[in-house]
Amino acid sequence: MDILLEEVRRAFGNTAESKLAECLIQAYREGGPRGARRALLEYLKALGVDVEDRED
């Protein structure tokens, strides 16, 4: 078990915030900052936030 993910689960429990944090950690590990950015953009899109017109 990864200690960082274990601490996230302990701090947030079984919540949407926990799932987002875990997703961001995994995405960062796999793709660095760009991977985390992609994961965050997907999360925001799922919430209905219009992120298509962003330049950065």
N, C-alpha and C. Protein backbone atom coordinates (compact mmCIF):
# COMPACT_ATOMS: atom_id res chain seq x y z
N MET A 1 0.86 -1.18 0.00
CA MET A 1 0.00 0.00 0.00
C MET A 1 0.90 1.24 0.00
N ASP A 2 0.56 2.15 -0.82
CA ASP A 2 1.29 3.41 -0.92
C ASP A 2 0.94 4.29 0.28
N ILE A 3 1.95 4.75 0.98
CA ILE A 3 1.71 5.53 2.20
C ILE A 3 1.02 6.86 1.92
N LEU A 4 1.33 7.50 0.81
CA LEU A 4 0.69 8.77 0.48
C LEU A 4 -0.81 8.57 0.23
N LEU A 5 -1.15 7.56 -0.55
CA LEU A 5 -2.56 7.29 -0.81
C LEU A 5 -3.29 6.87 0.46
N GLU A 6 -2.60 6.13 1.31
CA GLU A 6 -3.18 5.73 2.59
C GLU A 6 -3.50 6.94 3.45
N GLU A 7 -2.61 7.91 3.48
CA GLU A 7 -2.84 9.13 4.26
C GLU A 7 -3.98 9.96 3.68
N VAL A 8 -4.08 10.00 2.37
CA VAL A 8 -5.19 10.72 1.72
C VAL A 8 -6.50 10.08 2.13
N ARG A 9 -6.56 8.76 2.09
CA ARG A 9 -7.79 8.05 2.47
C ARG A 9 -8.13 8.30 3.93
N ARG A 10 -7.11 8.32 4.77
CA ARG A 10 -7.33 8.56 6.19
C ARG A 10 -7.82 9.98 6.43
N ALA A 11 -7.26 10.94 5.72
CA ALA A 11 -7.63 12.35 5.92
C ALA A 11 -9.01 12.68 5.37
N PHE A 12 -9.33 12.14 4.18
CA PHE A 12 -10.58 12.50 3.51
C PHE A 12 -11.68 11.46 3.63
N GLY A 13 -11.31 10.23 3.97
CA GLY A 13 -12.31 9.18 4.01
C GLY A 13 -12.74 8.79 2.62
N ASN A 14 -13.94 8.25 2.51
CA ASN A 14 -14.46 7.83 1.21
C ASN A 14 -15.34 8.93 0.65
N THR A 15 -14.71 9.99 0.15
CA THR A 15 -15.42 11.15 -0.35
C THR A 15 -14.98 11.46 -1.77
N ALA A 16 -15.68 12.37 -2.40
CA ALA A 16 -15.30 12.82 -3.74
C ALA A 16 -13.92 13.48 -3.70
N GLU A 17 -13.63 14.19 -2.61
CA GLU A 17 -12.33 14.85 -2.49
C GLU A 17 -11.20 13.82 -2.42
N SER A 18 -11.45 12.73 -1.73
CA SER A 18 -10.46 11.66 -1.64
C SER A 18 -10.19 11.06 -3.01
N LYS A 19 -11.26 10.79 -3.75
CA LYS A 19 -11.11 10.22 -5.08
C LYS A 19 -10.36 11.17 -6.01
N LEU A 20 -10.65 12.46 -5.91
CA LEU A 20 -9.94 13.45 -6.72
C LEU A 20 -8.46 13.48 -6.35
N ALA A 21 -8.17 13.52 -5.07
CA ALA A 21 -6.78 13.56 -4.62
C ALA A 21 -6.02 12.33 -5.09
N GLU A 22 -6.62 11.16 -4.96
CA GLU A 22 -5.98 9.93 -5.42
C GLU A 22 -5.75 9.97 -6.92
N CYS A 23 -6.73 10.43 -7.65
CA CYS A 23 -6.61 10.53 -9.11
C CYS A 23 -5.48 11.48 -9.50
N LEU A 24 -5.39 12.62 -8.83
CA LEU A 24 -4.34 13.58 -9.13
C LEU A 24 -2.95 13.02 -8.81
N ILE A 25 -2.85 12.31 -7.69
CA ILE A 25 -1.57 11.71 -7.32
C ILE A 25 -1.14 10.69 -8.37
N GLN A 26 -2.05 9.81 -8.76
CA GLN A 26 -1.73 8.79 -9.77
C GLN A 26 -1.39 9.44 -11.11
N ALA A 27 -2.16 10.43 -11.51
CA ALA A 27 -1.91 11.11 -12.78
C ALA A 27 -0.56 11.80 -12.76
N TYR A 28 -0.19 12.40 -11.63
CA TYR A 28 1.10 13.07 -11.53
C TYR A 28 2.23 12.06 -11.63
N ARG A 29 2.06 10.93 -10.98
CA ARG A 29 3.10 9.90 -11.02
C ARG A 29 3.28 9.34 -12.43
N GLU A 30 2.19 9.23 -13.16
CA GLU A 30 2.26 8.67 -14.50
C GLU A 30 2.66 9.69 -15.56
N GLY A 31 2.22 10.94 -15.40
CA GLY A 31 2.45 11.91 -16.46
C GLY A 31 3.03 13.23 -16.01
N GLY A 32 3.44 13.32 -14.74
CA GLY A 32 4.00 14.56 -14.24
C GLY A 32 2.93 15.65 -14.14
N PRO A 33 3.36 16.90 -14.15
CA PRO A 33 2.40 18.00 -14.02
C PRO A 33 1.34 18.01 -15.12
N ARG A 34 1.73 17.64 -16.32
CA ARG A 34 0.74 17.62 -17.43
C ARG A 34 -0.32 16.55 -17.20
N GLY A 35 0.09 15.43 -16.66
CA GLY A 35 -0.87 14.38 -16.36
C GLY A 35 -1.86 14.81 -15.30
N ALA A 36 -1.36 15.49 -14.28
CA ALA A 36 -2.24 15.98 -13.22
C ALA A 36 -3.18 17.05 -13.77
N ARG A 37 -2.68 17.88 -14.66
CA ARG A 37 -3.51 18.92 -15.26
C ARG A 37 -4.63 18.30 -16.08
N ARG A 38 -4.30 17.27 -16.86
CA ARG A 38 -5.33 16.59 -17.65
C ARG A 38 -6.39 15.97 -16.75
N ALA A 39 -5.96 15.35 -15.66
CA ALA A 39 -6.91 14.73 -14.73
C ALA A 39 -7.81 15.79 -14.10
N LEU A 40 -7.24 16.93 -13.75
CA LEU A 40 -8.03 18.00 -13.15
C LEU A 40 -9.02 18.57 -14.16
N LEU A 41 -8.60 18.74 -15.40
CA LEU A 41 -9.51 19.24 -16.43
C LEU A 41 -10.67 18.27 -16.66
N GLU A 42 -10.37 16.96 -16.66
CA GLU A 42 -11.44 15.97 -16.82
C GLU A 42 -12.42 16.05 -15.65
N TYR A 43 -11.90 16.24 -14.45
CA TYR A 43 -12.75 16.35 -13.26
C TYR A 43 -13.65 17.58 -13.36
N LEU A 44 -13.07 18.70 -13.77
CA LEU A 44 -13.85 19.93 -13.90
C LEU A 44 -14.92 19.80 -14.98
N LYS A 45 -14.58 19.15 -16.09
CA LYS A 45 -15.56 18.91 -17.15
C LYS A 45 -16.72 18.07 -16.63
N ALA A 46 -16.40 17.06 -15.82
CA ALA A 46 -17.45 16.20 -15.26
C ALA A 46 -18.37 16.99 -14.35
N LEU A 47 -17.86 18.05 -13.74
CA LEU A 47 -18.67 18.91 -12.89
C LEU A 47 -19.47 19.93 -13.68
N GLY A 48 -19.18 20.03 -14.97
CA GLY A 48 -19.91 20.96 -15.82
C GLY A 48 -19.24 22.31 -15.99
N VAL A 49 -17.98 22.40 -15.58
CA VAL A 49 -17.24 23.65 -15.73
C VAL A 49 -16.72 23.74 -17.16
N ASP A 50 -16.91 24.89 -17.79
CA ASP A 50 -16.43 25.09 -19.16
C ASP A 50 -14.95 25.42 -19.11
N VAL A 51 -14.13 24.45 -19.48
CA VAL A 51 -12.68 24.64 -19.44
C VAL A 51 -12.08 24.68 -20.83
N GLU A 52 -12.90 24.59 -21.85
CA GLU A 52 -12.41 24.54 -23.23
C GLU A 52 -11.76 25.86 -23.68
N ASP A 53 -12.24 26.97 -23.18
CA ASP A 53 -11.72 28.25 -23.66
C ASP A 53 -10.51 28.75 -22.88
N ARG A 54 -9.96 27.92 -22.03
CA ARG A 54 -8.77 28.30 -21.26
C ARG A 54 -7.52 28.18 -22.11
N GLU A 55 -6.65 29.17 -22.01
CA GLU A 55 -5.40 29.13 -22.77
C GLU A 55 -4.30 28.40 -22.02
N ASP A 56 -4.29 28.46 -20.69
CA ASP A 56 -3.19 27.87 -19.93
C ASP A 56 -3.53 26.57 -19.33
